[in-house]
Structure formats: structure tokens, C-alpha cells
Amino acid sequence: MEQDLQGGGVFVDEKMRGNPLVYNSATLVPYKDLRSQMIHLKKTPAAPKLQKIFDLKEKDMVWAFKRIRIMDHQKTQIETGYMPCTLFPVMDRGVVEDSIQEFAIEEGYRISHFMTNYRAAQLTREEAELLNCKKSTPALLIKSRGFLRDGAVFVSSEIVAVDYECTYVVPFNKEVFRKRRKQ
């Protein structure tokens, strides 16, 4: 995806130019070295915030799951996620401990894109215990929504990650730059 050339800096592989994500430490781990340990999976009424995210009615249900992601035999992430029961009437431990994206594809859905937000955080006592770390260890809070080609959100999740890094290529936005300079 990216390569270092001595004396020349870091260059992005030309094949990756159309994708803003150049490097993500989690996606470089082959699935054979990645596993998930389910903490819980339950069907629950969609709270107002989830009703809005998934465009649900007041009585609609969502699947709520929590899992620990283990990469190269190290606990590195805690994911808390939600999926609408209107799209996924049946879900089980096998899905949570495997791939949510693969599950959506197997159910016949066409994934379009993800919208992701990153923010610095520190582990809480509970999170530290789950990841075998110290409380207040620096972490990254990753909030993500997965969209289908028809615009529907199929998953909303929040991940607390340690030992995580990513690199993006972002085009220069002259209009935003000029607007900020005028403020």
C-alpha cells in the first residue's frame, strides 16, 4: 500500500490512489490471525438514536453485540455494535465471532461504504480489564457506520482500540482552506 524509499520518503502505491485509506493496521492482519470473542449478543428495542440511524419505527428491534477483537494473539479492540433486525432477522454467536461484513454479503446485501470517525481516548477500568491493559492506557475511539448501496445503514459500531494506526490520502480542499483563512 505504501513503501519507503531510502532518501526519497514515503510513496503511495499507484493502485491505491482511488482509495483514501492507504494503511490500516487492523486490515493488514490476515483473517487466519484474527478472531473475535463474543461478550454478548441480544435483541433489544431500538433506542431513539438507533431508530434515527437505521430509519426504524418505535417498536423495531436491533441486535446489540459486544466482542473483543484478537489480532496476532493479542486483545486489541472492543467493539460494541448494532444491526437492525429488519435487515437481519436471525443472528448468532458465529456471526459475531466471524465477520459482520461477510454476514451482510451472505445475506444478499451490497455494501457501498463506511463513514468513520476517530478520536483519542483512554481506556476505562472495564475496557482495560477486557484488553489486559492498565486503566487510562491511550486508545483510539472509532465510530463507524456501514452503508448499503441503497443508502440504508446496516451496522453502527463503536470500537475502542489500542495499538492501532491508519494513514489516509486526502485531496487538498482549496475552498475549505480559504474559508478557514478568512475566519
N, C-alpha and C. Protein backbone atom coordinates (compact mmCIF):
# COMPACT_ATOMS: atom_id res chain seq x y z
N MET A 1 0.81 -1.18 0.00
CA MET A 1 0.00 0.00 0.00
C MET A 1 0.86 1.26 0.00
N GLU A 2 1.84 1.25 0.89
CA GLU A 2 2.80 2.35 0.87
C GLU A 2 4.17 1.74 0.97
N GLN A 3 5.17 2.45 0.48
CA GLN A 3 6.52 1.93 0.56
C GLN A 3 7.48 3.07 0.87
N ASP A 4 8.52 2.74 1.62
CA ASP A 4 9.56 3.70 1.93
C ASP A 4 10.69 3.51 0.94
N LEU A 5 11.18 4.61 0.41
CA LEU A 5 12.36 4.57 -0.43
C LEU A 5 13.43 5.39 0.27
N GLN A 6 14.57 4.74 0.55
CA GLN A 6 15.63 5.42 1.27
C GLN A 6 15.99 6.71 0.56
N GLY A 7 15.95 7.80 1.32
CA GLY A 7 16.30 9.11 0.78
C GLY A 7 15.18 9.74 -0.05
N GLY A 8 14.10 8.99 -0.26
CA GLY A 8 13.04 9.51 -1.12
C GLY A 8 11.71 9.71 -0.42
N GLY A 9 11.56 9.29 0.82
CA GLY A 9 10.32 9.47 1.55
C GLY A 9 9.38 8.29 1.40
N VAL A 10 8.10 8.55 1.64
CA VAL A 10 7.08 7.52 1.57
C VAL A 10 6.23 7.77 0.33
N PHE A 11 6.00 6.71 -0.44
CA PHE A 11 5.21 6.82 -1.66
C PHE A 11 4.03 5.89 -1.59
N VAL A 12 2.88 6.34 -2.09
CA VAL A 12 1.67 5.54 -2.11
C VAL A 12 1.65 4.73 -3.40
N ASP A 13 1.36 3.44 -3.27
CA ASP A 13 1.24 2.56 -4.42
C ASP A 13 0.18 3.15 -5.37
N GLU A 14 0.50 3.28 -6.63
CA GLU A 14 -0.41 3.90 -7.61
C GLU A 14 -1.76 3.19 -7.67
N LYS A 15 -1.80 1.88 -7.40
CA LYS A 15 -3.06 1.13 -7.44
C LYS A 15 -4.01 1.57 -6.33
N MET A 16 -3.48 2.22 -5.29
CA MET A 16 -4.30 2.64 -4.15
C MET A 16 -4.77 4.09 -4.28
N ARG A 17 -4.43 4.78 -5.33
CA ARG A 17 -4.73 6.21 -5.47
C ARG A 17 -6.22 6.54 -5.35
N GLY A 18 -7.12 5.67 -5.80
CA GLY A 18 -8.55 5.95 -5.74
C GLY A 18 -9.16 5.73 -4.36
N ASN A 19 -8.43 5.13 -3.45
CA ASN A 19 -8.92 4.81 -2.12
C ASN A 19 -8.21 5.72 -1.12
N PRO A 20 -8.95 6.54 -0.36
CA PRO A 20 -8.27 7.44 0.58
C PRO A 20 -7.55 6.70 1.71
N LEU A 21 -8.01 5.49 2.07
CA LEU A 21 -7.33 4.73 3.13
C LEU A 21 -6.12 4.03 2.52
N VAL A 22 -4.95 4.42 2.97
CA VAL A 22 -3.72 3.84 2.45
C VAL A 22 -3.26 2.69 3.34
N TYR A 23 -3.41 2.86 4.66
CA TYR A 23 -2.89 1.87 5.59
C TYR A 23 -3.79 1.82 6.82
N ASN A 24 -4.10 0.63 7.26
CA ASN A 24 -4.88 0.41 8.47
C ASN A 24 -4.28 -0.81 9.14
N SER A 25 -3.76 -0.65 10.33
CA SER A 25 -3.07 -1.76 10.99
C SER A 25 -3.98 -2.96 11.21
N ALA A 26 -5.29 -2.75 11.37
CA ALA A 26 -6.21 -3.87 11.59
C ALA A 26 -6.48 -4.64 10.30
N THR A 27 -6.63 -3.93 9.19
CA THR A 27 -6.96 -4.63 7.94
C THR A 27 -5.76 -5.35 7.33
N LEU A 28 -4.58 -5.09 7.84
CA LEU A 28 -3.41 -5.82 7.34
C LEU A 28 -3.27 -7.20 7.98
N VAL A 29 -4.03 -7.45 9.04
CA VAL A 29 -3.96 -8.74 9.71
C VAL A 29 -4.81 -9.75 8.93
N PRO A 30 -4.21 -10.84 8.43
CA PRO A 30 -4.99 -11.83 7.69
C PRO A 30 -6.06 -12.44 8.62
N TYR A 31 -7.20 -12.84 8.03
CA TYR A 31 -8.28 -13.40 8.84
C TYR A 31 -7.85 -14.62 9.64
N LYS A 32 -6.85 -15.34 9.16
CA LYS A 32 -6.39 -16.51 9.93
C LYS A 32 -5.73 -16.09 11.25
N ASP A 33 -5.27 -14.83 11.34
CA ASP A 33 -4.64 -14.34 12.56
C ASP A 33 -5.55 -13.40 13.34
N LEU A 34 -6.83 -13.37 12.97
CA LEU A 34 -7.81 -12.50 13.61
C LEU A 34 -8.95 -13.36 14.13
N ARG A 35 -9.34 -13.12 15.36
CA ARG A 35 -10.54 -13.79 15.87
C ARG A 35 -11.28 -12.85 16.80
N SER A 36 -12.52 -13.18 17.01
CA SER A 36 -13.35 -12.37 17.89
C SER A 36 -13.92 -13.24 18.98
N GLN A 37 -14.03 -12.68 20.16
CA GLN A 37 -14.60 -13.37 21.32
C GLN A 37 -15.86 -12.59 21.72
N MET A 38 -17.02 -13.23 21.59
CA MET A 38 -18.26 -12.55 21.90
C MET A 38 -18.42 -12.36 23.40
N ILE A 39 -18.81 -11.15 23.79
CA ILE A 39 -19.13 -10.86 25.19
C ILE A 39 -20.64 -10.99 25.37
N HIS A 40 -21.40 -10.40 24.41
CA HIS A 40 -22.85 -10.60 24.44
C HIS A 40 -23.46 -10.33 23.07
N LEU A 41 -24.65 -10.90 22.89
CA LEU A 41 -25.49 -10.67 21.72
C LEU A 41 -26.92 -10.72 22.22
N LYS A 42 -27.66 -9.64 22.00
CA LYS A 42 -29.05 -9.65 22.44
C LYS A 42 -29.90 -8.81 21.49
N LYS A 43 -31.15 -9.21 21.40
CA LYS A 43 -32.14 -8.46 20.62
C LYS A 43 -32.79 -7.48 21.59
N THR A 44 -32.80 -6.20 21.21
CA THR A 44 -33.28 -5.17 22.11
C THR A 44 -34.07 -4.10 21.34
N PRO A 45 -35.02 -3.44 22.00
CA PRO A 45 -35.73 -2.35 21.32
C PRO A 45 -34.74 -1.26 20.91
N ALA A 46 -34.95 -0.70 19.74
CA ALA A 46 -34.06 0.36 19.24
C ALA A 46 -34.32 1.65 20.02
N ALA A 47 -33.29 2.16 20.66
CA ALA A 47 -33.37 3.45 21.34
C ALA A 47 -33.59 4.53 20.28
N PRO A 48 -34.09 5.70 20.66
CA PRO A 48 -34.36 6.76 19.68
C PRO A 48 -33.17 7.07 18.75
N LYS A 49 -31.95 7.10 19.31
CA LYS A 49 -30.78 7.38 18.48
C LYS A 49 -30.60 6.30 17.39
N LEU A 50 -30.80 5.03 17.77
CA LEU A 50 -30.66 3.94 16.80
C LEU A 50 -31.81 3.94 15.80
N GLN A 51 -33.00 4.34 16.25
CA GLN A 51 -34.14 4.47 15.32
C GLN A 51 -33.78 5.45 14.21
N LYS A 52 -33.14 6.54 14.59
CA LYS A 52 -32.76 7.55 13.61
C LYS A 52 -31.65 7.04 12.68
N ILE A 53 -30.64 6.40 13.25
CA ILE A 53 -29.52 5.88 12.45
C ILE A 53 -30.00 4.87 11.41
N PHE A 54 -30.88 3.93 11.85
CA PHE A 54 -31.31 2.85 10.96
C PHE A 54 -32.65 3.13 10.27
N ASP A 55 -33.23 4.31 10.52
CA ASP A 55 -34.54 4.66 9.96
C ASP A 55 -35.58 3.61 10.37
N LEU A 56 -35.68 3.39 11.68
CA LEU A 56 -36.59 2.38 12.24
C LEU A 56 -37.81 3.03 12.88
N LYS A 57 -38.83 2.21 13.06
CA LYS A 57 -40.02 2.65 13.77
C LYS A 57 -39.81 2.41 15.26
N GLU A 58 -40.67 3.02 16.07
CA GLU A 58 -40.53 2.98 17.53
C GLU A 58 -40.46 1.56 18.11
N LYS A 59 -41.19 0.64 17.54
CA LYS A 59 -41.23 -0.73 18.10
C LYS A 59 -40.22 -1.68 17.46
N ASP A 60 -39.43 -1.19 16.51
CA ASP A 60 -38.46 -2.05 15.84
C ASP A 60 -37.33 -2.44 16.79
N MET A 61 -36.73 -3.58 16.50
CA MET A 61 -35.66 -4.14 17.33
C MET A 61 -34.32 -4.06 16.61
N VAL A 62 -33.26 -4.09 17.40
CA VAL A 62 -31.89 -4.17 16.87
C VAL A 62 -31.15 -5.29 17.58
N TRP A 63 -30.17 -5.81 16.90
CA TRP A 63 -29.22 -6.72 17.53
C TRP A 63 -28.14 -5.85 18.16
N ALA A 64 -27.87 -6.07 19.43
CA ALA A 64 -26.78 -5.38 20.13
C ALA A 64 -25.72 -6.43 20.44
N PHE A 65 -24.49 -6.17 20.01
CA PHE A 65 -23.43 -7.13 20.29
C PHE A 65 -22.20 -6.41 20.82
N LYS A 66 -21.42 -7.18 21.55
CA LYS A 66 -20.14 -6.68 22.05
C LYS A 66 -19.14 -7.81 21.88
N ARG A 67 -17.97 -7.48 21.36
CA ARG A 67 -16.96 -8.52 21.14
C ARG A 67 -15.58 -7.94 21.32
N ILE A 68 -14.66 -8.82 21.64
CA ILE A 68 -13.24 -8.47 21.74
C ILE A 68 -12.58 -8.97 20.46
N ARG A 69 -11.81 -8.12 19.82
CA ARG A 69 -11.08 -8.49 18.61
C ARG A 69 -9.65 -8.84 19.03
N ILE A 70 -9.20 -9.99 18.59
CA ILE A 70 -7.88 -10.50 18.95
C ILE A 70 -7.07 -10.65 17.67
N MET A 71 -5.96 -9.90 17.59
CA MET A 71 -5.10 -9.91 16.41
C MET A 71 -3.72 -10.40 16.77
N ASP A 72 -3.27 -11.38 16.04
CA ASP A 72 -1.96 -11.97 16.33
C ASP A 72 -1.84 -12.35 17.80
N HIS A 73 -2.88 -12.98 18.34
CA HIS A 73 -2.94 -13.49 19.73
C HIS A 73 -2.94 -12.39 20.78
N GLN A 74 -3.24 -11.15 20.40
CA GLN A 74 -3.28 -10.04 21.35
C GLN A 74 -4.64 -9.36 21.29
N LYS A 75 -5.26 -9.14 22.45
CA LYS A 75 -6.53 -8.43 22.52
C LYS A 75 -6.26 -6.96 22.23
N THR A 76 -6.84 -6.45 21.14
CA THR A 76 -6.54 -5.08 20.73
C THR A 76 -7.77 -4.18 20.59
N GLN A 77 -8.97 -4.77 20.50
CA GLN A 77 -10.16 -3.95 20.28
C GLN A 77 -11.36 -4.50 21.04
N ILE A 78 -12.22 -3.57 21.45
CA ILE A 78 -13.54 -3.92 21.97
C ILE A 78 -14.54 -3.23 21.06
N GLU A 79 -15.40 -4.01 20.45
CA GLU A 79 -16.40 -3.45 19.54
C GLU A 79 -17.79 -3.63 20.13
N THR A 80 -18.54 -2.54 20.19
CA THR A 80 -19.94 -2.57 20.56
C THR A 80 -20.71 -2.15 19.32
N GLY A 81 -21.59 -3.02 18.85
CA GLY A 81 -22.26 -2.73 17.59
C GLY A 81 -23.74 -3.02 17.63
N TYR A 82 -24.42 -2.47 16.61
CA TYR A 82 -25.86 -2.63 16.47
C TYR A 82 -26.19 -2.89 15.02
N MET A 83 -27.14 -3.81 14.79
CA MET A 83 -27.62 -4.11 13.45
C MET A 83 -29.14 -4.23 13.51
N PRO A 84 -29.85 -3.67 12.53
CA PRO A 84 -31.30 -3.69 12.58
C PRO A 84 -31.87 -5.09 12.29
N CYS A 85 -32.83 -5.51 13.13
CA CYS A 85 -33.48 -6.80 12.91
C CYS A 85 -34.33 -6.79 11.65
N THR A 86 -34.72 -5.60 11.18
CA THR A 86 -35.48 -5.52 9.93
C THR A 86 -34.65 -6.03 8.75
N LEU A 87 -33.34 -5.85 8.80
CA LEU A 87 -32.46 -6.36 7.76
C LEU A 87 -31.92 -7.75 8.08
N PHE A 88 -31.74 -8.02 9.36
CA PHE A 88 -31.12 -9.27 9.80
C PHE A 88 -32.00 -9.94 10.87
N PRO A 89 -33.03 -10.68 10.45
CA PRO A 89 -33.95 -11.26 11.43
C PRO A 89 -33.28 -12.32 12.33
N VAL A 90 -32.23 -12.95 11.81
CA VAL A 90 -31.55 -14.00 12.58
C VAL A 90 -30.06 -13.67 12.67
N MET A 91 -29.53 -13.79 13.87
CA MET A 91 -28.10 -13.55 14.09
C MET A 91 -27.68 -14.45 15.24
N ASP A 92 -26.43 -14.92 15.21
CA ASP A 92 -25.97 -15.80 16.27
C ASP A 92 -24.50 -15.56 16.60
N ARG A 93 -24.01 -16.30 17.58
CA ARG A 93 -22.63 -16.18 18.06
C ARG A 93 -21.63 -16.32 16.90
N GLY A 94 -21.90 -17.24 15.99
CA GLY A 94 -21.00 -17.48 14.86
C GLY A 94 -20.78 -16.23 14.03
N VAL A 95 -21.83 -15.45 13.83
CA VAL A 95 -21.73 -14.20 13.06
C VAL A 95 -20.85 -13.20 13.82
N VAL A 96 -21.14 -13.03 15.12
CA VAL A 96 -20.41 -12.05 15.94
C VAL A 96 -18.93 -12.42 16.03
N GLU A 97 -18.64 -13.70 16.07
CA GLU A 97 -17.25 -14.13 16.22
C GLU A 97 -16.54 -14.28 14.88
N ASP A 98 -17.25 -13.99 13.79
CA ASP A 98 -16.62 -14.04 12.47
C ASP A 98 -16.60 -12.63 11.89
N SER A 99 -17.22 -12.42 10.74
CA SER A 99 -17.16 -11.15 10.04
C SER A 99 -18.57 -10.60 9.81
N ILE A 100 -18.84 -9.40 10.33
CA ILE A 100 -20.12 -8.74 10.12
C ILE A 100 -20.30 -8.42 8.64
N GLN A 101 -19.23 -7.98 7.99
CA GLN A 101 -19.31 -7.65 6.57
C GLN A 101 -19.62 -8.90 5.74
N GLU A 102 -18.96 -9.99 6.04
CA GLU A 102 -19.21 -11.24 5.32
C GLU A 102 -20.66 -11.69 5.52
N PHE A 103 -21.17 -11.53 6.73
CA PHE A 103 -22.55 -11.88 7.03
C PHE A 103 -23.51 -11.07 6.17
N ALA A 104 -23.30 -9.76 6.08
CA ALA A 104 -24.17 -8.91 5.27
C ALA A 104 -24.12 -9.34 3.80
N ILE A 105 -22.95 -9.64 3.31
CA ILE A 105 -22.80 -10.08 1.92
C ILE A 105 -23.52 -11.41 1.71
N GLU A 106 -23.34 -12.35 2.63
CA GLU A 106 -24.01 -13.66 2.53
C GLU A 106 -25.53 -13.52 2.57
N GLU A 107 -26.03 -12.48 3.25
CA GLU A 107 -27.47 -12.24 3.32
C GLU A 107 -27.99 -11.56 2.06
N GLY A 108 -27.11 -11.29 1.11
CA GLY A 108 -27.51 -10.74 -0.17
C GLY A 108 -27.43 -9.22 -0.27
N TYR A 109 -26.85 -8.57 0.73
CA TYR A 109 -26.74 -7.11 0.70
C TYR A 109 -25.46 -6.69 -0.01
N ARG A 110 -25.52 -5.52 -0.64
CA ARG A 110 -24.37 -4.97 -1.35
C ARG A 110 -23.86 -3.77 -0.57
N ILE A 111 -22.68 -3.91 0.01
CA ILE A 111 -22.09 -2.86 0.83
C ILE A 111 -21.52 -1.77 -0.08
N SER A 112 -21.83 -0.52 0.27
CA SER A 112 -21.35 0.61 -0.51
C SER A 112 -20.11 1.23 0.12
N HIS A 113 -20.22 1.67 1.38
CA HIS A 113 -19.10 2.38 2.00
C HIS A 113 -19.30 2.45 3.52
N PHE A 114 -18.27 2.95 4.18
CA PHE A 114 -18.30 3.17 5.63
C PHE A 114 -17.97 4.63 5.90
N MET A 115 -18.62 5.18 6.90
CA MET A 115 -18.28 6.52 7.38
C MET A 115 -17.71 6.32 8.78
N THR A 116 -16.49 6.81 8.99
CA THR A 116 -15.77 6.51 10.23
C THR A 116 -15.23 7.78 10.86
N ASN A 117 -15.30 7.82 12.18
CA ASN A 117 -14.81 8.95 12.97
C ASN A 117 -13.79 8.41 13.96
N TYR A 118 -12.66 9.11 14.08
CA TYR A 118 -11.60 8.70 15.00
C TYR A 118 -11.41 9.78 16.06
N ARG A 119 -11.22 9.35 17.31
CA ARG A 119 -10.99 10.31 18.38
C ARG A 119 -10.08 9.66 19.43
N ALA A 120 -9.17 10.45 19.96
CA ALA A 120 -8.28 9.95 21.02
C ALA A 120 -9.09 9.69 22.28
N ALA A 121 -8.72 8.66 23.02
CA ALA A 121 -9.42 8.29 24.25
C ALA A 121 -8.44 7.60 25.19
N GLN A 122 -8.94 7.27 26.36
CA GLN A 122 -8.19 6.47 27.32
C GLN A 122 -9.09 5.32 27.76
N LEU A 123 -8.49 4.17 28.02
CA LEU A 123 -9.28 3.02 28.44
C LEU A 123 -9.90 3.25 29.81
N THR A 124 -11.16 2.84 29.93
CA THR A 124 -11.80 2.83 31.25
C THR A 124 -11.30 1.60 32.00
N ARG A 125 -11.67 1.51 33.26
CA ARG A 125 -11.27 0.33 34.04
C ARG A 125 -11.80 -0.95 33.40
N GLU A 126 -13.09 -0.95 33.01
CA GLU A 126 -13.69 -2.14 32.41
C GLU A 126 -13.00 -2.52 31.11
N GLU A 127 -12.74 -1.52 30.24
CA GLU A 127 -12.07 -1.78 28.97
C GLU A 127 -10.66 -2.30 29.19
N ALA A 128 -9.96 -1.72 30.14
CA ALA A 128 -8.59 -2.16 30.44
C ALA A 128 -8.57 -3.62 30.89
N GLU A 129 -9.54 -3.99 31.71
CA GLU A 129 -9.62 -5.39 32.17
C GLU A 129 -9.86 -6.33 31.00
N LEU A 130 -10.76 -5.95 30.09
CA LEU A 130 -11.07 -6.80 28.93
C LEU A 130 -9.88 -6.95 27.99
N LEU A 131 -9.05 -5.90 27.88
CA LEU A 131 -7.91 -5.93 26.96
C LEU A 131 -6.59 -6.28 27.65
N ASN A 132 -6.65 -6.60 28.94
CA ASN A 132 -5.44 -6.92 29.72
C ASN A 132 -4.44 -5.77 29.68
N CYS A 133 -4.94 -4.55 29.87
CA CYS A 133 -4.11 -3.34 29.89
C CYS A 133 -4.32 -2.59 31.20
N LYS A 134 -3.60 -1.51 31.36
CA LYS A 134 -3.79 -0.64 32.52
C LYS A 134 -4.88 0.38 32.23
N LYS A 135 -5.61 0.76 33.26
CA LYS A 135 -6.61 1.82 33.14
C LYS A 135 -5.90 3.08 32.65
N SER A 136 -6.57 3.87 31.84
CA SER A 136 -6.07 5.11 31.26
C SER A 136 -5.02 4.90 30.16
N THR A 137 -4.84 3.66 29.69
CA THR A 137 -3.96 3.43 28.55
C THR A 137 -4.51 4.20 27.35
N PRO A 138 -3.66 4.90 26.60
CA PRO A 138 -4.14 5.62 25.42
C PRO A 138 -4.81 4.65 24.43
N ALA A 139 -5.89 5.11 23.84
CA ALA A 139 -6.64 4.29 22.89
C ALA A 139 -7.23 5.19 21.82
N LEU A 140 -7.78 4.57 20.82
CA LEU A 140 -8.47 5.29 19.77
C LEU A 140 -9.93 4.85 19.81
N LEU A 141 -10.85 5.82 19.83
CA LEU A 141 -12.27 5.54 19.77
C LEU A 141 -12.68 5.69 18.31
N ILE A 142 -13.18 4.60 17.73
CA ILE A 142 -13.53 4.56 16.32
C ILE A 142 -15.03 4.34 16.20
N LYS A 143 -15.75 5.35 15.70
CA LYS A 143 -17.19 5.22 15.48
C LYS A 143 -17.40 5.04 13.99
N SER A 144 -18.18 4.02 13.63
CA SER A 144 -18.32 3.68 12.22
C SER A 144 -19.76 3.28 11.89
N ARG A 145 -20.17 3.64 10.69
CA ARG A 145 -21.45 3.21 10.16
C ARG A 145 -21.21 2.61 8.79
N GLY A 146 -21.81 1.44 8.56
CA GLY A 146 -21.71 0.79 7.26
C GLY A 146 -22.97 1.04 6.46
N PHE A 147 -22.82 1.45 5.20
CA PHE A 147 -23.94 1.77 4.33
C PHE A 147 -24.06 0.76 3.20
N LEU A 148 -25.29 0.43 2.87
CA LEU A 148 -25.56 -0.41 1.71
C LEU A 148 -25.69 0.47 0.48
N ARG A 149 -25.71 -0.14 -0.69
CA ARG A 149 -25.79 0.63 -1.94
C ARG A 149 -27.08 1.44 -2.04
N ASP A 150 -28.15 1.00 -1.35
CA ASP A 150 -29.41 1.76 -1.40
C ASP A 150 -29.43 2.89 -0.38
N GLY A 151 -28.33 3.09 0.36
CA GLY A 151 -28.23 4.17 1.33
C GLY A 151 -28.58 3.78 2.75
N ALA A 152 -29.13 2.59 2.95
CA ALA A 152 -29.50 2.13 4.29
C ALA A 152 -28.25 1.83 5.12
N VAL A 153 -28.30 2.13 6.41
CA VAL A 153 -27.22 1.78 7.32
C VAL A 153 -27.47 0.35 7.79
N PHE A 154 -26.46 -0.53 7.64
CA PHE A 154 -26.65 -1.92 8.06
C PHE A 154 -25.94 -2.24 9.37
N VAL A 155 -24.99 -1.40 9.77
CA VAL A 155 -24.30 -1.61 11.04
C VAL A 155 -23.80 -0.26 11.56
N SER A 156 -23.88 -0.12 12.87
CA SER A 156 -23.32 1.05 13.55
C SER A 156 -22.51 0.51 14.71
N SER A 157 -21.26 0.92 14.79
CA SER A 157 -20.43 0.37 15.85
C SER A 157 -19.48 1.40 16.43
N GLU A 158 -19.03 1.10 17.62
CA GLU A 158 -18.04 1.90 18.32
C GLU A 158 -16.95 0.94 18.77
N ILE A 159 -15.73 1.24 18.37
CA ILE A 159 -14.59 0.39 18.69
C ILE A 159 -13.61 1.18 19.54
N VAL A 160 -13.15 0.55 20.61
CA VAL A 160 -12.06 1.11 21.40
C VAL A 160 -10.85 0.25 21.06
N ALA A 161 -9.81 0.90 20.52
CA ALA A 161 -8.66 0.14 20.01
C ALA A 161 -7.36 0.63 20.63
N VAL A 162 -6.49 -0.32 20.94
CA VAL A 162 -5.13 0.00 21.35
C VAL A 162 -4.20 -0.51 20.25
N ASP A 163 -3.01 0.07 20.15
CA ASP A 163 -2.04 -0.33 19.13
C ASP A 163 -2.65 -0.28 17.73
N TYR A 164 -3.29 0.83 17.40
CA TYR A 164 -3.97 0.98 16.11
C TYR A 164 -3.41 2.20 15.40
N GLU A 165 -3.24 2.09 14.11
CA GLU A 165 -2.83 3.24 13.32
C GLU A 165 -3.38 3.12 11.91
N CYS A 166 -3.56 4.28 11.28
CA CYS A 166 -4.02 4.28 9.90
C CYS A 166 -3.46 5.52 9.20
N THR A 167 -3.42 5.44 7.88
CA THR A 167 -2.92 6.52 7.05
C THR A 167 -3.91 6.76 5.92
N TYR A 168 -4.21 8.04 5.65
CA TYR A 168 -5.12 8.43 4.59
C TYR A 168 -4.44 9.40 3.63
N VAL A 169 -4.88 9.39 2.39
CA VAL A 169 -4.51 10.41 1.42
C VAL A 169 -5.77 11.23 1.21
N VAL A 170 -5.69 12.52 1.51
CA VAL A 170 -6.85 13.40 1.41
C VAL A 170 -6.54 14.51 0.42
N PRO A 171 -7.39 14.68 -0.59
CA PRO A 171 -7.14 15.77 -1.55
C PRO A 171 -7.22 17.13 -0.85
N PHE A 172 -6.42 18.06 -1.33
CA PHE A 172 -6.44 19.42 -0.80
C PHE A 172 -7.76 20.08 -1.18
N ASN A 173 -8.47 20.66 -0.20
CA ASN A 173 -9.74 21.33 -0.45
C ASN A 173 -9.52 22.83 -0.35
N LYS A 174 -9.32 23.44 -1.49
CA LYS A 174 -8.99 24.87 -1.56
C LYS A 174 -10.08 25.75 -0.94
N GLU A 175 -11.36 25.39 -1.17
CA GLU A 175 -12.45 26.20 -0.64
C GLU A 175 -12.47 26.20 0.89
N VAL A 176 -12.30 25.05 1.48
CA VAL A 176 -12.28 24.95 2.96
C VAL A 176 -11.07 25.72 3.50
N PHE A 177 -9.94 25.56 2.83
CA PHE A 177 -8.74 26.27 3.25
C PHE A 177 -8.97 27.78 3.25
N ARG A 178 -9.50 28.29 2.14
CA ARG A 178 -9.76 29.74 2.03
C ARG A 178 -10.76 30.21 3.08
N LYS A 179 -11.80 29.45 3.30
CA LYS A 179 -12.81 29.82 4.31
C LYS A 179 -12.19 29.90 5.70
N ARG A 180 -11.36 28.94 6.04
CA ARG A 180 -10.70 28.94 7.36
C ARG A 180 -9.75 30.12 7.50
N ARG A 181 -9.08 30.48 6.43
CA ARG A 181 -8.14 31.61 6.47
C ARG A 181 -8.85 32.93 6.72
N LYS A 182 -10.10 33.04 6.26
CA LYS A 182 -10.87 34.28 6.41
C LYS A 182 -11.45 34.42 7.82
N GLN A 183 -11.53 33.35 8.55
CA GLN A 183 -12.15 33.40 9.90
C GLN A 183 -11.24 34.05 10.90
